[in-house]
């Protein structure tokens, strides 16, 4: 199947009674005809369902769809994007291990990484993750590298081809958060990533009506290396599926951050229009970026597809279709930024991206409020900076609202 067809039909199982939408299985547990059958399922020796915290038919359908469009071997869902990140990381690292992460991460992810020190895991935050900086910073204790395809809100672009090569040469796991870009714009597994993560609450869902996360396993032989002693039994038994086998048998089951069947259904509904929505998001974001660039009240605009962007060459290399619907711009002072937000009529002020509606937020006082001033500077967050997630409304109406808010 081609991409758009996979969005609707990828890894889809035919319903027994002919329903064209995946049924919502609102059952906590599942009865079986014999004790032997239930034992076999819970021991992982046969397929089937026992308890929705572990697996659920609606959730499985969503996981299979995402694995299909992302080109992964298998996908594991989670209750939110943050829980997906936490599960993926803690499935790999142990006390004494080291992580290398981009300083341009989403504020919540940055804080999560920083707090891993409580478990004896150290994190090196690099202003730029590239071939050179990785070679300088990878040590024998480095277990994984974590970065976003396009940073949120820094909007720095990961040169995933060169980064994945360094990770492969050093047998380090590369986890890439592709929430901002989605598989419509890039498939990180095709560029050498080992694991791909999405907060499905954003573009995957598309309408801000459900929270969720997903971890896509591309399959890797890295876990068989002596460095990954905690994977020894799983690597021996499951080979390239070691990551997911361990995840589902240990921290995934223990933490219980299960995606609800209703949210899985809503995400399945949303994913079908991903391609159509992303085309409009990217087109409108480019138009807004160009408009803001020409407005004298705007100090600077950051959108990777603008020719003046420091990330333009990488955007041209990886993002032919557009660089998502997210952009940032600066208005000189915090007071100017707040005044602009307060004058908007159509555009909503809230903490999300990827909605059909255009959204704006002042990151420094909201999603990055828990970060220090030094961390904010690393993340590209300033007092006068606004992040805008451009929706799919008519572009004339979006720009008219922006123009009005800037003119008052």
Protein backbone atom coordinates (compact mmCIF):
# COMPACT_ATOMS: atom_id res chain seq x y z
CA UNK A 1 0.00 0.00 0.00
CA UNK A 2 1.01 3.60 -0.57
CA UNK A 3 1.02 6.11 2.30
CA UNK A 4 -2.52 7.52 2.07
CA UNK A 5 -3.98 4.06 1.70
CA UNK A 6 -2.05 2.85 4.73
CA UNK A 7 -3.53 5.67 6.80
CA UNK A 8 -6.94 4.07 6.29
CA UNK A 9 -6.22 0.38 5.68
CA UNK A 10 -2.71 -0.33 7.02
CA UNK A 11 -2.50 -3.58 9.05
CA UNK A 12 -6.28 -3.54 9.33
CA UNK A 13 -8.13 -6.72 10.24
CA UNK A 14 -11.55 -7.33 8.76
CA UNK A 15 -14.32 -7.09 11.33
CA UNK A 16 -16.36 -10.28 11.77
CA UNK A 17 -19.71 -8.50 11.36
CA UNK A 18 -18.57 -6.02 8.72
CA UNK A 19 -18.09 -2.85 10.78
CA UNK A 20 -15.98 -0.36 8.83
CA UNK A 21 -14.79 1.37 12.01
CA UNK A 22 -12.79 -0.52 14.63
CA UNK A 23 -15.13 -1.39 17.53
CA UNK A 24 -14.41 0.13 20.95
CA UNK A 25 -13.84 -2.75 23.36
CA UNK A 26 -14.78 -1.31 26.75
CA UNK A 27 -13.87 -4.35 28.80
CA UNK A 28 -11.33 -4.44 31.61
CA UNK A 29 -10.76 -8.19 31.31
CA UNK A 30 -11.46 -11.08 28.95
CA UNK A 31 -12.91 -14.51 29.74
CA UNK A 32 -11.41 -17.73 28.34
CA UNK A 33 -12.74 -21.26 28.07
CA UNK A 34 -9.88 -22.89 29.94
CA UNK A 35 -7.34 -22.13 32.64
CA UNK A 36 -4.63 -23.35 30.28
CA UNK A 37 -5.55 -20.75 27.65
CA UNK A 38 -5.43 -17.82 30.09
CA UNK A 39 -2.14 -19.09 31.52
CA UNK A 40 -0.64 -19.30 28.04
CA UNK A 41 -1.70 -15.73 27.20
CA UNK A 42 -0.34 -14.24 30.42
CA UNK A 43 2.90 -16.18 30.05
CA UNK A 44 3.30 -14.72 26.57
CA UNK A 45 3.18 -18.10 24.87
CA UNK A 46 0.06 -17.45 22.79
CA UNK A 47 -1.89 -14.53 21.37
CA UNK A 48 -4.97 -13.22 23.11
CA UNK A 49 -6.31 -10.70 25.58
CA UNK A 50 -6.40 -10.97 29.37
CA UNK A 51 -6.52 -7.45 30.85
CA UNK A 52 -6.81 -4.05 29.15
CA UNK A 53 -3.88 -2.59 31.09
CA UNK A 54 -1.76 -5.10 29.16
CA UNK A 55 -3.55 -5.14 25.82
CA UNK A 56 -6.93 -4.36 24.25
CA UNK A 57 -8.30 -5.09 20.76
CA UNK A 58 -9.07 -1.45 19.93
CA UNK A 59 -5.67 -0.35 21.16
CA UNK A 60 -3.97 -3.14 19.21
CA UNK A 61 -5.70 -1.96 16.02
CA UNK A 62 -4.28 1.53 16.57
CA UNK A 63 -0.80 0.19 17.30
CA UNK A 64 -0.87 -1.91 14.12
CA UNK A 65 -1.95 1.10 12.03
CA UNK A 66 0.85 3.31 13.35
CA UNK A 67 3.43 0.56 12.84
CA UNK A 68 2.26 0.27 9.25
CA UNK A 69 2.50 3.95 8.33
CA UNK A 70 5.78 4.46 10.21
CA UNK A 71 7.37 1.35 8.68
CA UNK A 72 8.12 -0.22 12.05
CA UNK A 73 8.11 -3.85 13.16
CA UNK A 74 5.68 -3.21 16.00
CA UNK A 75 4.27 -0.33 18.03
CA UNK A 76 3.36 0.00 21.70
CA UNK A 77 0.89 2.64 22.85
CA UNK A 78 0.86 4.67 26.07
CA UNK A 79 -1.52 6.94 27.95
CA UNK A 80 0.28 10.09 26.76
CA UNK A 81 3.29 11.25 24.81
CA UNK A 82 5.20 11.87 28.03
CA UNK A 83 4.50 8.37 29.33
CA UNK A 84 5.64 6.96 25.97
CA UNK A 85 8.95 8.82 26.33
CA UNK A 86 9.36 7.71 29.94
CA UNK A 87 8.63 4.07 29.08
CA UNK A 88 11.01 4.02 26.11
CA UNK A 89 13.88 5.55 28.07
CA UNK A 90 13.48 3.52 31.28
CA UNK A 91 13.19 0.36 29.20
CA UNK A 92 16.82 0.93 28.16
CA UNK A 93 18.77 2.72 30.88
CA UNK A 94 19.93 1.62 34.32
CA UNK A 95 21.71 3.33 37.19
CA UNK A 96 25.13 4.53 36.02
CA UNK A 97 24.08 4.91 32.39
CA UNK A 98 24.30 8.08 30.37
CA UNK A 99 21.97 9.75 27.87
CA UNK A 100 22.81 12.41 25.30
CA UNK A 101 19.87 14.69 24.52
CA UNK A 102 19.18 17.81 22.54
CA UNK A 103 18.78 20.99 24.58
CA UNK A 104 16.02 22.04 22.16
CA UNK A 105 13.58 19.45 23.48
CA UNK A 106 10.00 20.20 24.47
CA UNK A 107 9.99 21.62 28.02
CA UNK A 108 8.29 18.61 29.58
CA UNK A 109 10.74 16.21 27.95
CA UNK A 110 13.69 18.33 29.07
CA UNK A 111 12.41 18.21 32.67
CA UNK A 112 11.81 14.46 32.48
CA UNK A 113 15.39 13.96 31.32
CA UNK A 114 16.78 16.25 33.98
CA UNK A 115 14.88 14.36 36.71
CA UNK A 116 16.45 11.03 35.74
CA UNK A 117 19.36 11.96 37.99
CA UNK A 118 17.16 10.70 40.86
CA UNK A 119 17.69 7.21 39.45
CA UNK A 120 21.42 7.62 38.91
CA UNK A 121 21.11 8.27 35.17
CA UNK A 122 23.07 11.26 33.86
CA UNK A 123 22.05 13.35 30.86
CA UNK A 124 24.26 15.53 28.67
CA UNK A 125 22.23 18.27 27.00
CA UNK A 126 23.90 19.45 23.80
CA UNK A 127 23.00 22.71 22.04
CA UNK A 128 23.33 20.83 18.79
CA UNK A 129 23.33 17.10 18.17
CA UNK A 130 25.40 16.32 15.11
CA UNK A 131 28.21 14.04 13.99
CA UNK A 132 30.93 16.14 15.57
CA UNK A 133 29.29 16.78 18.96
CA UNK A 134 28.30 13.16 19.34
CA UNK A 135 31.81 11.89 18.68
CA UNK A 136 33.08 14.32 21.32
CA UNK A 137 30.53 13.33 23.97
CA UNK A 138 29.75 9.61 23.59
CA UNK A 139 31.39 7.52 26.30
CA UNK A 140 31.34 3.84 27.27
CA UNK A 141 28.38 4.63 29.54
CA UNK A 142 26.27 6.22 26.81
CA UNK A 143 23.25 4.01 26.18
CA UNK A 144 21.05 6.24 24.06
CA UNK A 145 20.73 9.50 22.16
CA UNK A 146 17.39 11.30 22.30
CA UNK A 147 16.36 14.08 19.92
CA UNK A 148 13.35 15.50 18.11
CA UNK A 149 13.10 15.61 14.32
CA UNK A 150 12.29 19.31 14.65
CA UNK A 151 12.74 20.79 18.12
CA UNK A 152 9.74 22.22 19.95
CA UNK A 153 9.92 25.21 20.24
CA UNK A 154 13.55 25.70 19.14
CA UNK A 155 12.71 24.35 15.66
CA UNK A 156 16.25 23.05 15.13
CA UNK A 157 16.46 20.21 12.62
CA UNK A 158 18.16 16.92 13.36
CA UNK A 159 20.53 15.69 10.64
CA UNK A 160 19.28 12.19 11.28
CA UNK A 161 21.39 10.43 8.61
CA UNK A 162 24.72 11.47 10.10
CA UNK A 163 23.56 11.17 13.72
CA UNK A 164 22.23 7.65 13.20
CA UNK A 165 25.55 6.59 11.64
CA UNK A 166 27.50 7.74 14.70
CA UNK A 167 25.01 5.92 16.95
CA UNK A 168 25.38 2.77 14.88
CA UNK A 169 29.18 2.94 14.96
CA UNK A 170 29.10 3.27 18.76
CA UNK A 171 26.24 0.84 19.35
CA UNK A 172 24.06 3.51 20.95
CA UNK A 173 20.27 3.48 20.67
CA UNK A 174 18.81 6.44 18.77
CA UNK A 175 15.33 7.50 19.91
CA UNK A 176 13.66 10.16 17.80
CA UNK A 177 10.52 12.07 18.79
CA UNK A 178 8.69 12.77 15.53
CA UNK A 179 5.58 14.38 17.01
CA UNK A 180 6.05 17.68 15.20
CA UNK A 181 6.72 16.13 11.79
CA UNK A 182 4.64 12.91 11.70
CA UNK A 183 5.30 10.10 9.20
CA UNK A 184 3.73 12.30 6.50
CA UNK A 185 6.87 14.47 6.50
CA UNK A 186 9.56 11.98 7.55
CA UNK A 187 9.97 8.35 8.61
CA UNK A 188 12.97 8.38 10.98
CA UNK A 189 13.37 4.58 10.86
CA UNK A 190 14.29 4.88 7.18
CA UNK A 191 17.12 7.22 8.20
CA UNK A 192 18.59 4.92 10.85
CA UNK A 193 16.61 5.64 14.02
CA UNK A 194 15.98 2.67 16.28
CA UNK A 195 12.86 3.93 18.05
CA UNK A 196 10.32 6.57 17.01
CA UNK A 197 7.95 8.25 19.46
CA UNK A 198 4.82 10.34 18.91
CA UNK A 199 2.56 12.24 21.20
CA UNK A 200 -0.55 11.15 19.34
CA UNK A 201 -2.45 13.94 21.12
CA UNK A 202 -1.05 16.29 18.46
CA UNK A 203 -1.10 15.80 14.67
CA UNK A 204 -1.88 12.07 14.73
CA UNK A 205 -5.21 12.77 16.43
CA UNK A 206 -5.60 16.19 14.85
CA UNK A 207 -8.60 17.56 16.75
CA UNK A 208 -7.41 17.74 20.39
CA UNK A 209 -10.05 15.29 21.62
CA UNK A 210 -7.81 12.61 23.13
CA UNK A 211 -4.46 12.11 24.85
CA UNK A 212 -2.08 9.35 23.81
CA UNK A 213 1.44 8.28 22.94
CA UNK A 214 3.06 5.63 20.76
CA UNK A 215 6.47 3.93 20.63
CA UNK A 216 7.45 2.44 17.27
CA UNK A 217 10.17 -0.22 17.29
CA UNK A 218 12.19 -0.45 14.09
CA UNK A 219 13.94 -3.64 15.20
CA UNK A 220 17.65 -3.63 16.01
CA UNK A 221 20.51 -6.00 16.74
CA UNK A 222 22.14 -3.46 19.08
CA UNK A 223 20.53 -4.98 22.17
CA UNK A 224 22.60 -8.14 21.78
CA UNK A 225 25.78 -6.18 22.59
CA UNK A 226 27.36 -6.72 26.02
CA UNK A 227 26.66 -3.06 26.79
CA UNK A 228 22.97 -3.91 27.14
CA UNK A 229 23.17 -6.53 29.88
CA UNK A 230 19.57 -5.83 30.90
CA UNK A 231 18.45 -7.07 27.48
CA UNK A 232 20.42 -10.33 27.54
CA UNK A 233 17.50 -12.75 28.00
CA UNK A 234 15.18 -10.83 25.68
CA UNK A 235 17.75 -10.46 22.93
CA UNK A 236 18.52 -14.16 23.03
CA UNK A 237 14.86 -15.13 22.77
CA UNK A 238 13.37 -12.36 20.61
CA UNK A 239 16.28 -11.05 18.50
CA UNK A 240 15.41 -7.73 16.83
CA UNK A 241 12.16 -7.62 18.81
CA UNK A 242 14.07 -7.44 22.11
CA UNK A 243 13.13 -3.82 22.86
CA UNK A 244 9.39 -4.36 22.56
CA UNK A 245 9.47 -7.77 24.25
CA UNK A 246 11.23 -6.28 27.27
CA UNK A 247 9.01 -3.19 27.27
CA UNK A 248 5.80 -5.20 27.34
CA UNK A 249 7.08 -7.69 29.91
CA UNK A 250 8.63 -5.23 32.36
CA UNK A 251 8.21 -1.46 32.68
CA UNK A 252 5.26 -1.23 30.30
CA UNK A 253 3.28 -3.76 32.33
CA UNK A 254 4.54 -2.48 35.68
CA UNK A 255 3.78 1.20 35.16
CA UNK A 256 0.34 0.60 33.69
CA UNK A 257 0.27 3.75 31.53
CA UNK A 258 -2.27 2.17 29.20
CA UNK A 259 -3.96 4.00 26.33
CA UNK A 260 -7.73 3.90 26.80
CA UNK A 261 -9.79 2.11 24.11
CA UNK A 262 -11.83 5.27 23.48
CA UNK A 263 -8.70 7.34 22.88
CA UNK A 264 -7.33 4.61 20.61
CA UNK A 265 -10.55 4.80 18.58
CA UNK A 266 -10.40 8.60 18.34
CA UNK A 267 -6.78 8.41 17.20
CA UNK A 268 -7.68 5.79 14.58
CA UNK A 269 -10.34 8.16 13.28
CA UNK A 270 -7.93 11.09 13.22
CA UNK A 271 -5.06 9.28 11.51
CA UNK A 272 -7.11 8.69 8.37
CA UNK A 273 -6.97 12.40 7.45
CA UNK A 274 -3.36 13.01 8.48
CA UNK A 275 -2.08 13.55 4.95
CA UNK A 276 -4.81 16.00 4.03
CA UNK A 277 -4.34 17.98 7.25
CA UNK A 278 -0.54 18.10 7.14
CA UNK A 279 -0.60 19.55 3.62
CA UNK A 280 -2.72 22.45 4.85
CA UNK A 281 -0.77 22.89 8.09
CA UNK A 282 2.50 23.20 6.18
CA UNK A 283 1.10 25.45 3.47
CA UNK A 284 -0.53 27.79 5.98
CA UNK A 285 2.51 27.85 8.27
CA UNK A 286 4.71 28.92 5.38
CA UNK A 287 2.27 31.71 4.49
CA UNK A 288 2.13 32.94 8.10
CA UNK A 289 5.93 32.81 8.40
CA UNK A 290 6.32 34.89 5.24
CA UNK A 291 3.73 37.41 6.44
CA UNK A 292 5.37 37.79 9.86
CA UNK A 293 8.79 38.18 8.22
CA UNK A 294 7.50 41.24 6.42
CA UNK A 295 5.84 42.87 9.44
CA UNK A 296 7.92 45.62 11.09
CA UNK A 297 6.53 44.88 14.55
CA UNK A 298 8.02 41.35 14.45
CA UNK A 299 11.65 41.16 15.58
CA UNK A 300 12.37 37.71 14.10
CA UNK A 301 10.60 34.63 12.73
CA UNK A 302 11.77 31.05 13.04
CA UNK A 303 10.41 28.60 10.48
CA UNK A 304 12.90 26.17 8.91
CA UNK A 305 11.55 26.55 5.37
CA UNK A 306 12.24 30.30 5.31
CA UNK A 307 15.34 30.90 3.19
CA UNK A 308 16.91 33.00 5.93
CA UNK A 309 16.65 30.20 8.51
CA UNK A 310 19.87 28.66 9.82
CA UNK A 311 18.14 25.31 9.37
CA UNK A 312 17.05 25.93 5.77
CA UNK A 313 19.55 23.57 4.14
CA UNK A 314 18.54 20.70 6.41
CA UNK A 315 14.87 21.54 5.87
CA UNK A 316 15.43 21.28 2.13
CA UNK A 317 17.22 17.95 2.58
CA UNK A 318 14.60 16.25 4.77
CA UNK A 319 11.33 18.16 4.45
CA UNK A 320 10.33 18.60 0.85
CA UNK A 321 6.63 18.76 1.79
CA UNK A 322 7.04 21.40 4.50
CA UNK A 323 8.44 21.74 8.00
CA UNK A 324 5.22 21.12 9.94
CA UNK A 325 2.69 23.68 11.13
CA UNK A 326 4.75 25.07 14.01
CA UNK A 327 6.66 28.35 13.96
CA UNK A 328 7.94 30.85 16.50
CA UNK A 329 8.40 34.61 16.43
CA UNK A 330 9.63 37.36 18.74
CA UNK A 331 7.96 40.68 19.47
CA UNK A 332 10.66 42.50 21.42
CA UNK A 333 9.25 42.31 24.96
CA UNK A 334 7.10 40.05 27.09
CA UNK A 335 4.54 42.85 27.29
CA UNK A 336 4.28 42.98 23.49
CA UNK A 337 3.89 39.19 23.35
CA UNK A 338 1.11 39.19 25.96
CA UNK A 339 -0.64 42.13 24.27
CA UNK A 340 -0.61 40.27 20.96
CA UNK A 341 -2.08 37.11 22.52
CA UNK A 342 -4.76 39.08 24.33
CA UNK A 343 -5.81 40.86 21.12
CA UNK A 344 -6.38 37.67 19.12
CA UNK A 345 -9.98 36.78 18.27
CA UNK A 346 -9.80 33.68 16.08
CA UNK A 347 -6.55 32.12 17.32
CA UNK A 348 -6.71 30.32 20.68
CA UNK A 349 -4.18 30.66 23.51
CA UNK A 350 -3.52 27.16 24.85
CA UNK A 351 -0.90 24.48 25.48
CA UNK A 352 -1.11 22.22 22.45
CA UNK A 353 -0.03 21.86 18.84
CA UNK A 354 -1.36 19.89 15.90
CA UNK A 355 -5.01 20.90 16.19
CA UNK A 356 -7.08 21.83 13.14
CA UNK A 357 -7.42 25.22 14.85
CA UNK A 358 -4.59 27.77 14.98
CA UNK A 359 -3.09 27.98 18.47
CA UNK A 360 -0.60 30.26 20.16
CA UNK A 361 1.32 30.16 23.44
CA UNK A 362 3.98 32.08 25.34
CA UNK A 363 6.37 29.19 26.18
CA UNK A 364 8.50 30.99 28.78
CA UNK A 365 5.58 31.53 31.16
CA UNK A 366 3.75 28.27 30.47
CA UNK A 367 5.20 25.03 29.10
CA UNK A 368 8.75 26.06 30.08
CA UNK A 369 7.85 27.82 33.34
CA UNK A 370 9.53 25.04 35.34
CA UNK A 371 12.85 25.49 33.58
CA UNK A 372 15.66 27.76 34.75
CA UNK A 373 16.64 30.85 32.75
CA UNK A 374 19.81 29.05 31.64
CA UNK A 375 17.77 26.06 30.44
CA UNK A 376 15.35 28.34 28.59
CA UNK A 377 18.22 29.92 26.70
CA UNK A 378 19.46 26.44 25.74
CA UNK A 379 15.95 25.61 24.54
CA UNK A 380 15.65 28.78 22.47
CA UNK A 381 12.91 30.16 24.73
CA UNK A 382 12.87 33.93 25.32
CA UNK A 383 10.53 36.27 27.19
CA UNK A 384 9.28 37.83 23.94
CA UNK A 385 8.92 34.53 22.04
CA UNK A 386 5.57 33.10 20.93
CA UNK A 387 4.96 29.66 19.45
CA UNK A 388 2.18 29.29 16.93
CA UNK A 389 0.68 26.04 15.72
CA UNK A 390 -0.93 27.04 12.44
CA UNK A 391 -4.25 25.32 11.75
CA UNK A 392 -6.16 24.52 8.59
CA UNK A 393 -8.57 27.46 8.56
CA UNK A 394 -8.62 29.71 5.49
CA UNK A 395 -5.25 31.42 5.45
CA UNK A 396 -6.83 34.84 4.82
CA UNK A 397 -8.67 34.59 8.16
CA UNK A 398 -5.57 33.44 10.08
CA UNK A 399 -3.47 36.31 8.74
CA UNK A 400 -6.26 38.85 9.28
CA UNK A 401 -6.42 37.87 12.98
CA UNK A 402 -2.63 38.14 13.31
CA UNK A 403 -2.58 41.49 11.50
CA UNK A 404 -5.32 42.89 13.72
CA UNK A 405 -3.61 41.72 16.92
CA UNK A 406 -0.33 43.30 15.86
CA UNK A 407 -1.94 46.61 14.86
CA UNK A 408 -3.71 47.32 18.17
